[in-house]
């Protein structure tokens, strides 16, 4: 009985370990080099948040003085001594030290029978704000702030009166500024707490988690674990898996090498494993789009003449009436294409069945021959903005007969024209499709620039710097903009490469 319980314990324990050890298809590292730019945007956002603090009317009595303070406005914030840094195993720290805030407010003061009004300019010195945010993976696999700790303190505040009795009332400044300083101390952290949990999280929701790529496939960018934070970087591990929109549970199992990012020199790094690309081609394959009919105007004239010459005897033996009927090539990939990434570059191997058909008018097509086509493409990966694109070049091409070695010899004259046809017709279609690219999981308003692609055994690492096309507040306020690439839909009425 004990051994049975022990077996069950070990079984479920190992199962949980295996589930937690899911390899990532995509990783992103944000380094401390990016924090300087992020600090500037964060500083502007914090200044805007604090400037919007609303202060209530203040009333009081001190001896024979009665006062009312209204129209309190923060006129200037000087958060020049600010820093943004990583907190290992937690998230981010925004630290403001020895900064200042300028305010103005309106006074109404009654002393005996004397009534006086005027403006007060005040300044808060020694403003210290320390805000830490905890970054986690939420239940949808999205990056999220789940907690914020904040400490704010204003060391001193001074006020300068104007008006007929300005100098007389200077002693009231200590009373008024003490109340104002207390109120500001109480309002800074709640304001930043709301900004982080509401506004920043709304910006993080613009990062795609599970979204459509085109009419056929989608991509899953859900985090597979909590972000890993060190003193130098924030590392995020994404599933990075494409899926067929019509069969979303029919996905590829990830057995690829886990990508490794070792560098810290650039602001951001993107690592993609072979699984990332294989899952995309697997999804297109299961969607049934890796097939093509080359007929009529799509068929190069010299290739058509060569096909008629090659299969003239076969046609005559079948039915001489088919000699003048149109001919076609039917290409269909017979297994999911496979990616191989080495230090020398990335290649894609694709195997397809090619059928030579004759199309008699008003009658079913007649198959003349069936052959296997093996192709190998060089794949060049690049990033434009926040879209990952691939450009393919045909590297190797081979055809052979499925029926006999003798027919394979007869197909040798077709090798060169078929390769030319692929280079002139099929490869441009593939590149026109793949150049649209797929969005990588970055917030709206952030783009990759100055990217450098490095190829490793089993994965690709792209290092780049970041560019903000929007301010942080605009990024938080806006939803995902309409993407011009996603708005270009693929014609679903016909199947093409």
Protein backbone atom coordinates (compact mmCIF):
# COMPACT_ATOMS: atom_id res chain seq x y z
CA UNK A 1 0.00 0.00 0.00
CA UNK A 2 2.83 2.35 0.90
CA UNK A 3 4.66 1.53 -2.31
CA UNK A 4 1.48 2.30 -4.29
CA UNK A 5 1.16 5.72 -2.65
CA UNK A 6 4.84 6.37 -3.25
CA UNK A 7 4.45 5.46 -6.92
CA UNK A 8 1.48 7.83 -7.33
CA UNK A 9 3.39 10.61 -5.60
CA UNK A 10 6.43 10.18 -7.84
CA UNK A 11 4.23 9.92 -10.94
CA UNK A 12 2.34 13.14 -10.29
CA UNK A 13 5.47 14.93 -9.11
CA UNK A 14 7.32 14.04 -12.30
CA UNK A 15 4.25 15.01 -14.33
CA UNK A 16 4.20 18.46 -12.76
CA UNK A 17 7.93 18.89 -13.44
CA UNK A 18 7.48 17.87 -17.07
CA UNK A 19 4.54 20.26 -17.46
CA UNK A 20 6.56 23.11 -15.98
CA UNK A 21 9.52 22.33 -18.23
CA UNK A 22 7.77 23.22 -21.48
CA UNK A 23 10.41 24.72 -23.77
CA UNK A 24 9.89 28.21 -25.15
CA UNK A 25 9.51 28.81 -28.87
CA UNK A 26 10.18 32.53 -28.39
CA UNK A 27 12.10 34.49 -25.76
CA UNK A 28 12.52 38.22 -25.23
CA UNK A 29 15.16 39.86 -23.05
CA UNK A 30 14.95 43.54 -22.11
CA UNK A 31 18.31 44.68 -20.74
CA UNK A 32 19.34 47.47 -18.41
CA UNK A 33 20.46 49.42 -21.49
CA UNK A 34 16.79 49.90 -22.36
CA UNK A 35 16.01 51.30 -18.93
CA UNK A 36 17.50 54.72 -19.68
CA UNK A 37 14.97 55.27 -22.46
CA UNK A 38 12.20 53.68 -20.42
CA UNK A 39 13.17 55.89 -17.47
CA UNK A 40 12.61 59.02 -19.53
CA UNK A 41 9.16 57.82 -20.62
CA UNK A 42 8.31 56.67 -17.09
CA UNK A 43 9.43 59.99 -15.64
CA UNK A 44 7.19 61.92 -18.03
CA UNK A 45 4.28 59.66 -17.19
CA UNK A 46 4.78 60.00 -13.42
CA UNK A 47 4.99 63.79 -13.75
CA UNK A 48 1.70 63.80 -15.68
CA UNK A 49 0.06 61.56 -13.08
CA UNK A 50 1.17 63.69 -10.16
CA UNK A 51 0.17 66.88 -11.96
CA UNK A 52 -3.40 65.58 -12.13
CA UNK A 53 -3.73 65.16 -8.35
CA UNK A 54 -6.85 67.01 -7.19
CA UNK A 55 -6.68 68.65 -3.78
CA UNK A 56 -9.80 69.59 -1.81
CA UNK A 57 -10.60 72.97 -0.37
CA UNK A 58 -8.86 73.60 2.96
CA UNK A 59 -10.44 75.61 5.77
CA UNK A 60 -9.14 76.40 9.23
CA UNK A 61 -8.80 78.83 12.11
CA UNK A 62 -5.70 79.91 13.97
CA UNK A 63 -6.36 82.40 16.76
CA UNK A 64 -8.18 85.32 15.21
CA UNK A 65 -7.25 84.22 11.72
CA UNK A 66 -9.72 82.29 9.55
CA UNK A 67 -8.49 80.99 6.22
CA UNK A 68 -9.77 79.15 3.14
CA UNK A 69 -7.48 77.61 0.52
CA UNK A 70 -8.88 76.80 -2.97
CA UNK A 71 -7.76 76.17 -6.57
CA UNK A 72 -4.70 74.16 -5.62
CA UNK A 73 -2.65 73.39 -8.74
CA UNK A 74 0.67 71.65 -9.27
CA UNK A 75 2.45 73.97 -11.67
CA UNK A 76 5.78 72.22 -12.08
CA UNK A 77 7.49 68.97 -11.18
CA UNK A 78 11.23 68.61 -11.27
CA UNK A 79 11.97 64.88 -11.00
CA UNK A 80 15.49 65.23 -12.31
CA UNK A 81 17.01 62.81 -9.80
CA UNK A 82 15.10 59.73 -11.02
CA UNK A 83 16.29 56.21 -11.66
CA UNK A 84 14.75 53.05 -13.11
CA UNK A 85 16.28 49.67 -12.34
CA UNK A 86 15.51 45.98 -12.15
CA UNK A 87 14.76 44.32 -8.83
CA UNK A 88 15.91 40.67 -9.00
CA UNK A 89 13.02 38.19 -8.69
CA UNK A 90 10.50 41.05 -8.40
CA UNK A 91 10.25 43.50 -11.29
CA UNK A 92 11.06 47.19 -11.65
CA UNK A 93 11.95 50.00 -9.27
CA UNK A 94 11.32 53.68 -10.06
CA UNK A 95 13.23 55.78 -7.55
CA UNK A 96 12.99 59.58 -7.23
CA UNK A 97 15.33 61.34 -4.80
CA UNK A 98 15.70 64.95 -3.69
CA UNK A 99 13.34 66.40 -6.31
CA UNK A 100 10.89 69.29 -6.12
CA UNK A 101 7.26 70.23 -6.79
CA UNK A 102 5.88 73.75 -7.33
CA UNK A 103 2.27 74.60 -6.47
CA UNK A 104 -0.06 77.57 -6.55
CA UNK A 105 -3.33 78.08 -4.68
CA UNK A 106 -5.76 80.87 -3.80
CA UNK A 107 -6.27 82.14 -0.26
CA UNK A 108 -9.07 83.93 1.52
CA UNK A 109 -8.14 85.22 5.00
CA UNK A 110 -10.26 87.03 7.59
CA UNK A 111 -8.56 88.79 10.56
CA UNK A 112 -10.91 90.79 12.76
CA UNK A 113 -12.60 93.09 10.25
CA UNK A 114 -9.86 92.82 7.66
CA UNK A 115 -10.50 90.55 4.66
CA UNK A 116 -7.72 89.67 2.26
CA UNK A 117 -7.36 87.47 -0.83
CA UNK A 118 -4.41 86.54 -2.97
CA UNK A 119 -2.36 83.77 -4.50
CA UNK A 120 0.20 81.62 -2.74
CA UNK A 121 3.14 80.05 -4.52
CA UNK A 122 4.55 77.08 -2.70
CA UNK A 123 7.40 74.71 -3.35
CA UNK A 124 8.04 71.25 -1.97
CA UNK A 125 11.67 70.28 -1.58
CA UNK A 126 13.27 66.94 -0.84
CA UNK A 127 10.62 64.93 -2.67
CA UNK A 128 11.47 61.22 -2.43
CA UNK A 129 9.35 58.55 -4.15
CA UNK A 130 10.25 54.86 -4.24
CA UNK A 131 7.89 52.69 -6.29
CA UNK A 132 8.40 48.97 -6.98
CA UNK A 133 6.19 46.91 -9.29
CA UNK A 134 5.94 43.13 -9.22
CA UNK A 135 5.70 41.52 -12.69
CA UNK A 136 4.03 38.13 -13.10
CA UNK A 137 2.30 35.91 -15.65
CA UNK A 138 -1.50 36.07 -15.34
CA UNK A 139 -3.96 33.23 -16.00
CA UNK A 140 -4.09 34.10 -19.74
CA UNK A 141 -0.33 33.95 -20.03
CA UNK A 142 -0.02 37.74 -20.23
CA UNK A 143 2.61 39.91 -18.54
CA UNK A 144 0.94 41.82 -15.74
CA UNK A 145 1.62 43.99 -12.69
CA UNK A 146 0.00 42.21 -9.77
CA UNK A 147 1.36 44.32 -6.93
CA UNK A 148 2.97 47.69 -6.27
CA UNK A 149 4.75 48.99 -3.21
CA UNK A 150 5.25 52.71 -2.79
CA UNK A 151 6.84 55.05 -0.27
CA UNK A 152 6.62 58.82 -0.73
CA UNK A 153 7.93 61.59 1.48
CA UNK A 154 8.21 65.36 1.16
CA UNK A 155 10.81 66.73 3.55
CA UNK A 156 9.74 70.37 3.57
CA UNK A 157 7.42 72.85 1.92
CA UNK A 158 7.67 76.63 1.77
CA UNK A 159 5.04 79.22 0.81
CA UNK A 160 5.36 82.83 -0.31
CA UNK A 161 2.40 85.19 0.08
CA UNK A 162 1.41 88.13 -2.11
CA UNK A 163 -1.13 90.86 -1.48
CA UNK A 164 -1.51 93.77 0.91
CA UNK A 165 -0.91 91.74 4.06
CA UNK A 166 1.48 89.23 2.53
CA UNK A 167 4.34 89.82 4.94
CA UNK A 168 2.01 89.86 7.93
CA UNK A 169 0.67 86.39 7.05
CA UNK A 170 4.02 84.76 6.48
CA UNK A 171 3.77 83.02 9.84
CA UNK A 172 0.63 81.26 8.57
CA UNK A 173 2.75 79.63 5.90
CA UNK A 174 4.07 77.05 8.34
CA UNK A 175 0.53 75.94 9.20
CA UNK A 176 -0.71 75.88 5.61
CA UNK A 177 2.30 74.13 4.15
CA UNK A 178 2.28 71.48 6.88
CA UNK A 179 -1.27 70.55 5.92
CA UNK A 180 -0.45 70.68 2.23
CA UNK A 181 2.66 68.53 2.70
CA UNK A 182 0.66 65.96 4.68
CA UNK A 183 -2.00 65.83 1.97
CA UNK A 184 0.55 65.42 -0.85
CA UNK A 185 2.31 62.65 1.05
CA UNK A 186 -1.03 60.84 1.27
CA UNK A 187 -1.93 61.29 -2.41
CA UNK A 188 1.27 60.45 -4.31
CA UNK A 189 1.29 56.69 -3.74
CA UNK A 190 -2.45 56.09 -4.40
CA UNK A 191 -2.08 58.02 -7.65
CA UNK A 192 0.89 55.90 -8.76
CA UNK A 193 -0.79 52.71 -7.53
CA UNK A 194 -3.80 53.41 -9.76
CA UNK A 195 -1.56 54.35 -12.69
CA UNK A 196 0.37 51.07 -12.48
CA UNK A 197 -2.49 48.66 -11.89
CA UNK A 198 -4.89 50.30 -14.34
CA UNK A 199 -3.00 52.27 -16.99
CA UNK A 200 0.16 50.17 -17.29
CA UNK A 201 -1.79 46.92 -17.27
CA UNK A 202 -4.06 48.30 -19.99
CA UNK A 203 -0.93 48.96 -22.08
CA UNK A 204 0.30 45.41 -21.45
CA UNK A 205 -3.06 44.17 -22.74
CA UNK A 206 -2.17 45.56 -26.17
CA UNK A 207 0.54 42.89 -26.45
CA UNK A 208 -0.93 39.99 -28.46
CA UNK A 209 -1.23 36.72 -26.55
CA UNK A 210 -3.34 34.53 -28.86
CA UNK A 211 -4.20 36.28 -32.09
CA UNK A 212 -4.86 35.69 -35.79
CA UNK A 213 -2.00 36.09 -38.25
CA UNK A 214 -4.09 35.80 -41.43
CA UNK A 215 -7.16 33.93 -42.67
CA UNK A 216 -5.54 30.55 -42.00
CA UNK A 217 -3.35 30.58 -38.91
CA UNK A 218 -2.94 32.27 -35.56
CA UNK A 219 -0.11 32.53 -33.04
CA UNK A 220 0.11 31.84 -29.32
CA UNK A 221 2.42 34.23 -27.47
CA UNK A 222 1.32 33.27 -23.97
CA UNK A 223 4.00 33.27 -21.29
CA UNK A 224 4.84 29.76 -20.12
CA UNK A 225 6.16 30.98 -16.74
CA UNK A 226 6.67 34.13 -14.69
CA UNK A 227 9.23 36.60 -16.06
CA UNK A 228 12.79 36.09 -14.84
CA UNK A 229 14.21 39.33 -13.42
CA UNK A 230 17.90 39.83 -12.63
CA UNK A 231 19.86 42.98 -11.89
CA UNK A 232 20.68 43.27 -15.61
CA UNK A 233 17.61 42.05 -17.48
CA UNK A 234 13.98 41.05 -17.70
CA UNK A 235 13.57 37.70 -19.52
CA UNK A 236 10.19 36.53 -20.84
CA UNK A 237 9.58 33.02 -22.16
CA UNK A 238 6.69 32.69 -24.63
CA UNK A 239 5.09 29.58 -26.08
CA UNK A 240 5.76 30.98 -29.58
CA UNK A 241 3.50 28.52 -31.39
CA UNK A 242 1.39 28.91 -34.51
CA UNK A 243 -1.89 27.06 -34.92
CA UNK A 244 -4.43 26.31 -37.64
CA UNK A 245 -7.50 28.50 -37.10
CA UNK A 246 -9.84 25.71 -38.21
CA UNK A 247 -8.16 23.08 -35.97
CA UNK A 248 -6.79 25.06 -33.06
CA UNK A 249 -6.05 22.01 -30.91
CA UNK A 250 -4.10 20.27 -33.67
CA UNK A 251 -0.65 21.62 -32.87
CA UNK A 252 2.96 20.57 -33.13
CA UNK A 253 4.81 19.24 -30.08
CA UNK A 254 7.92 21.24 -29.20
CA UNK A 255 11.00 19.03 -29.21
CA UNK A 256 13.33 21.78 -30.43
CA UNK A 257 16.40 23.18 -28.72
CA UNK A 258 15.54 25.73 -26.05
CA UNK A 259 16.88 29.10 -27.30
CA UNK A 260 19.52 30.77 -25.12
CA UNK A 261 20.20 34.52 -24.86
CA UNK A 262 23.62 35.32 -23.45
CA UNK A 263 24.09 38.92 -24.55
CA UNK A 264 23.33 42.20 -22.74
CA UNK A 265 24.91 44.76 -25.11
CA UNK A 266 21.69 45.87 -26.82
CA UNK A 267 18.39 47.10 -25.42
CA UNK A 268 16.35 44.05 -26.42
CA UNK A 269 16.92 40.51 -27.68
CA UNK A 270 14.50 38.18 -29.44
CA UNK A 271 15.29 34.44 -29.62
CA UNK A 272 13.34 32.05 -31.86
CA UNK A 273 13.73 28.28 -31.96
CA UNK A 274 13.23 25.94 -34.90
CA UNK A 275 9.88 25.06 -33.34
CA UNK A 276 8.65 28.64 -33.86
CA UNK A 277 9.07 28.34 -37.63
CA UNK A 278 8.13 24.64 -37.85
CA UNK A 279 4.83 25.25 -36.05
CA UNK A 280 3.99 27.95 -38.58
CA UNK A 281 4.61 25.69 -41.56
CA UNK A 282 2.85 22.80 -39.83
CA UNK A 283 -0.20 25.02 -39.33
CA UNK A 284 -0.22 26.16 -42.95
CA UNK A 285 0.15 22.53 -44.00
CA UNK A 286 -2.81 21.36 -41.90
CA UNK A 287 -4.82 24.33 -43.22
CA UNK A 288 -4.31 22.82 -46.69
CA UNK A 289 -2.77 25.81 -48.44
CA UNK A 290 0.54 24.27 -49.57
CA UNK A 291 -0.81 23.35 -53.00
CA UNK A 292 -0.93 25.06 -56.35
CA UNK A 293 -2.21 24.53 -59.89
CA UNK A 294 0.00 25.88 -62.68
CA UNK A 295 -2.15 26.15 -65.79
CA UNK A 296 -2.95 28.47 -68.69
CA UNK A 297 -1.28 31.88 -68.21
CA UNK A 298 0.57 30.68 -65.08
CA UNK A 299 2.36 28.06 -67.19
CA UNK A 300 5.52 29.40 -68.94
CA UNK A 301 5.27 28.71 -72.67
CA UNK A 302 8.65 27.01 -72.95
CA UNK A 303 7.73 24.70 -70.05
CA UNK A 304 4.41 23.83 -71.71
CA UNK A 305 6.18 22.98 -74.98
CA UNK A 306 8.68 20.82 -73.11
CA UNK A 307 5.91 18.98 -71.26
CA UNK A 308 4.07 18.28 -74.50
CA UNK A 309 7.27 17.00 -76.07
CA UNK A 310 8.15 14.82 -73.08
CA UNK A 311 4.69 13.29 -72.74
CA UNK A 312 3.71 13.26 -76.44
CA UNK A 313 4.08 9.49 -76.66
CA UNK A 314 2.06 8.93 -73.49
CA UNK A 315 -0.75 11.17 -74.77
CA UNK A 316 -0.83 9.42 -78.14
CA UNK A 317 -1.08 6.03 -76.45
CA UNK A 318 -3.91 7.22 -74.19
CA UNK A 319 -5.96 9.24 -76.66
CA UNK A 320 -4.65 11.19 -79.65
CA UNK A 321 -7.55 13.62 -79.23
CA UNK A 322 -5.83 14.97 -76.10
CA UNK A 323 -2.80 16.33 -77.97
CA UNK A 324 -4.12 19.89 -78.14
CA UNK A 325 -5.79 19.93 -74.68
CA UNK A 326 -4.38 22.32 -72.05
CA UNK A 327 -1.79 20.95 -69.68
CA UNK A 328 -1.24 21.68 -66.01
CA UNK A 329 1.10 20.97 -63.13
CA UNK A 330 -0.48 20.21 -59.76
CA UNK A 331 1.87 20.83 -56.84
CA UNK A 332 0.96 19.62 -53.35
CA UNK A 333 3.31 19.49 -50.36
CA UNK A 334 2.98 15.98 -48.90
CA UNK A 335 4.43 16.63 -45.41
CA UNK A 336 5.02 19.69 -43.20
CA UNK A 337 8.15 21.59 -44.27
CA UNK A 338 11.06 21.35 -41.83
CA UNK A 339 13.37 24.13 -40.62
CA UNK A 340 17.04 23.69 -39.82
CA UNK A 341 18.99 26.49 -38.13
CA UNK A 342 22.77 26.31 -38.03
CA UNK A 343 25.49 28.87 -37.39
CA UNK A 344 25.77 29.18 -41.19
CA UNK A 345 22.10 30.20 -41.57
CA UNK A 346 18.56 28.87 -41.74
CA UNK A 347 17.14 26.49 -44.34
CA UNK A 348 13.73 25.00 -45.04
CA UNK A 349 13.26 21.59 -46.68
CA UNK A 350 10.01 20.95 -48.53
CA UNK A 351 8.86 17.80 -50.34
CA UNK A 352 5.95 17.93 -52.76
CA UNK A 353 4.16 15.70 -55.23
CA UNK A 354 3.98 17.09 -58.77
CA UNK A 355 1.36 15.70 -61.13
CA UNK A 356 1.42 16.37 -64.86
CA UNK A 357 -2.17 16.62 -66.04
CA UNK A 358 -3.94 17.10 -69.34
CA UNK A 359 -7.26 18.95 -69.20
CA UNK A 360 -9.68 17.87 -71.93
CA UNK A 361 -12.56 20.38 -72.24
CA UNK A 362 -15.73 19.15 -70.55
CA UNK A 363 -14.08 16.01 -69.22
CA UNK A 364 -12.25 15.05 -66.02
CA UNK A 365 -8.48 15.77 -65.94
CA UNK A 366 -6.19 12.95 -67.03
CA UNK A 367 -2.96 12.28 -65.12
CA UNK A 368 0.09 11.73 -67.32
CA UNK A 369 2.72 11.36 -64.63
CA UNK A 370 3.44 11.76 -60.94
CA UNK A 371 6.82 12.83 -59.58
CA UNK A 372 8.36 13.89 -56.28
CA UNK A 373 9.94 17.31 -55.94
CA UNK A 374 12.51 17.96 -53.21
CA UNK A 375 13.42 21.57 -52.55
CA UNK A 376 15.65 23.36 -50.09
CA UNK A 377 15.34 27.07 -49.40
CA UNK A 378 17.64 29.51 -47.67
CA UNK A 379 15.60 31.58 -45.21
CA UNK A 380 16.72 35.07 -44.19
CA UNK A 381 15.04 36.47 -41.09
CA UNK A 382 14.60 40.20 -40.45
CA UNK A 383 12.55 42.58 -38.32
CA UNK A 384 10.73 45.70 -39.47
CA UNK A 385 9.27 47.67 -36.59
CA UNK A 386 7.73 44.87 -34.56
CA UNK A 387 7.04 42.48 -37.42
CA UNK A 388 9.16 39.43 -38.09
CA UNK A 389 9.61 38.67 -41.80
CA UNK A 390 11.30 35.85 -43.74
CA UNK A 391 12.76 35.98 -47.25
CA UNK A 392 13.27 32.66 -49.08
CA UNK A 393 15.72 31.79 -51.87
CA UNK A 394 15.67 28.46 -53.72
CA UNK A 395 18.93 26.67 -52.99
CA UNK A 396 18.42 23.09 -54.17
CA UNK A 397 15.89 21.42 -56.46
CA UNK A 398 15.42 17.80 -57.47
CA UNK A 399 12.66 15.78 -59.14
CA UNK A 400 12.31 12.04 -59.60
CA UNK A 401 9.58 9.69 -60.71
CA UNK A 402 7.30 7.89 -58.30
CA UNK A 403 6.84 5.09 -60.83
CA UNK A 404 10.22 3.96 -62.19
CA UNK A 405 13.92 4.76 -62.35
CA UNK A 406 13.63 4.82 -66.14
CA UNK A 407 11.06 7.60 -65.99
CA UNK A 408 13.32 9.49 -63.56
CA UNK A 409 15.97 9.55 -66.28
CA UNK A 410 13.39 10.88 -68.73
CA UNK A 411 12.61 13.73 -66.32
CA UNK A 412 16.16 15.11 -66.36
CA UNK A 413 15.32 17.60 -69.18
CA UNK A 414 12.53 18.98 -66.97
CA UNK A 415 14.85 19.80 -64.02
CA UNK A 416 16.10 23.18 -65.25
CA UNK A 417 12.78 24.56 -66.59
CA UNK A 418 10.89 23.43 -63.48
CA UNK A 419 13.50 25.07 -61.25
CA UNK A 420 13.21 28.27 -63.27
CA UNK A 421 9.43 28.09 -62.97
CA UNK A 422 9.74 27.82 -59.19
CA UNK A 423 12.16 30.74 -59.02
CA UNK A 424 10.04 32.93 -61.30
CA UNK A 425 6.53 32.00 -60.13
CA UNK A 426 6.34 30.16 -56.81
CA UNK A 427 9.18 31.72 -54.76
CA UNK A 428 7.97 35.31 -55.41
CA UNK A 429 4.50 34.25 -54.20
CA UNK A 430 6.02 32.82 -51.02
CA UNK A 431 8.09 35.95 -50.39
CA UNK A 432 5.16 38.24 -51.11
CA UNK A 433 3.32 36.36 -48.41
CA UNK A 434 6.07 36.10 -45.81
CA UNK A 435 7.23 39.72 -46.17
CA UNK A 436 4.02 40.77 -44.45
CA UNK A 437 5.51 39.15 -41.40
CA UNK A 438 4.07 38.31 -38.02
CA UNK A 439 3.91 40.65 -35.07
CA UNK A 440 6.25 39.95 -32.18
CA UNK A 441 4.99 40.42 -28.60
CA UNK A 442 5.84 44.08 -28.01
CA UNK A 443 3.53 46.80 -26.71
CA UNK A 444 1.90 49.05 -29.27
CA UNK A 445 4.17 52.06 -29.86
CA UNK A 446 7.47 50.22 -29.34
CA UNK A 447 9.57 49.14 -32.34
CA UNK A 448 12.84 47.33 -33.02
CA UNK A 449 15.58 49.35 -34.73
CA UNK A 450 19.20 48.65 -35.65
CA UNK A 451 18.66 44.90 -35.47
CA UNK A 452 21.41 42.31 -35.87
CA UNK A 453 20.55 38.64 -36.58
CA UNK A 454 22.76 35.84 -35.25
CA UNK A 455 22.27 32.18 -36.17
CA UNK A 456 23.03 29.45 -33.63
CA UNK A 457 22.56 25.70 -33.69
CA UNK A 458 18.81 25.28 -33.30
CA UNK A 459 17.76 28.90 -32.82
CA UNK A 460 18.09 32.52 -33.93
CA UNK A 461 18.89 35.52 -31.72
CA UNK A 462 18.06 39.04 -32.90
CA UNK A 463 19.57 41.92 -30.95
CA UNK A 464 18.18 45.41 -31.42
CA UNK A 465 17.54 48.78 -29.85
CA UNK A 466 14.11 50.19 -29.04
CA UNK A 467 12.29 53.15 -30.51
CA UNK A 468 9.17 54.72 -29.05
CA UNK A 469 6.78 55.86 -31.80
CA UNK A 470 4.35 56.94 -29.06
CA UNK A 471 4.65 58.41 -25.61
CA UNK A 472 3.97 56.12 -22.68
CA UNK A 473 0.65 57.79 -21.86
CA UNK A 474 -0.49 57.49 -25.47
CA UNK A 475 0.51 53.83 -25.44
CA UNK A 476 -1.52 53.29 -22.29
CA UNK A 477 -4.56 55.20 -23.50
CA UNK A 478 -4.78 53.58 -26.91
CA UNK A 479 -5.89 50.14 -27.93
CA UNK A 480 -4.19 48.06 -30.62
CA UNK A 481 -4.20 50.07 -33.81
CA UNK A 482 -5.38 48.59 -37.06
CA UNK A 483 -2.38 46.84 -38.54
CA UNK A 484 -2.01 47.44 -42.29
CA UNK A 485 -0.46 44.00 -42.71
CA UNK A 486 -3.26 42.20 -40.91
CA UNK A 487 -5.86 44.12 -42.90
CA UNK A 488 -4.53 42.48 -46.06
CA UNK A 489 -6.36 39.17 -46.12
CA UNK A 490 -5.42 36.16 -48.15
CA UNK A 491 -7.92 35.09 -50.78
CA UNK A 492 -9.58 32.07 -49.17
CA UNK A 493 -11.44 30.97 -52.28
CA UNK A 494 -8.32 29.39 -53.81
CA UNK A 495 -5.39 27.49 -52.37
CA UNK A 496 -1.91 28.75 -53.23
CA UNK A 497 1.58 28.50 -51.83
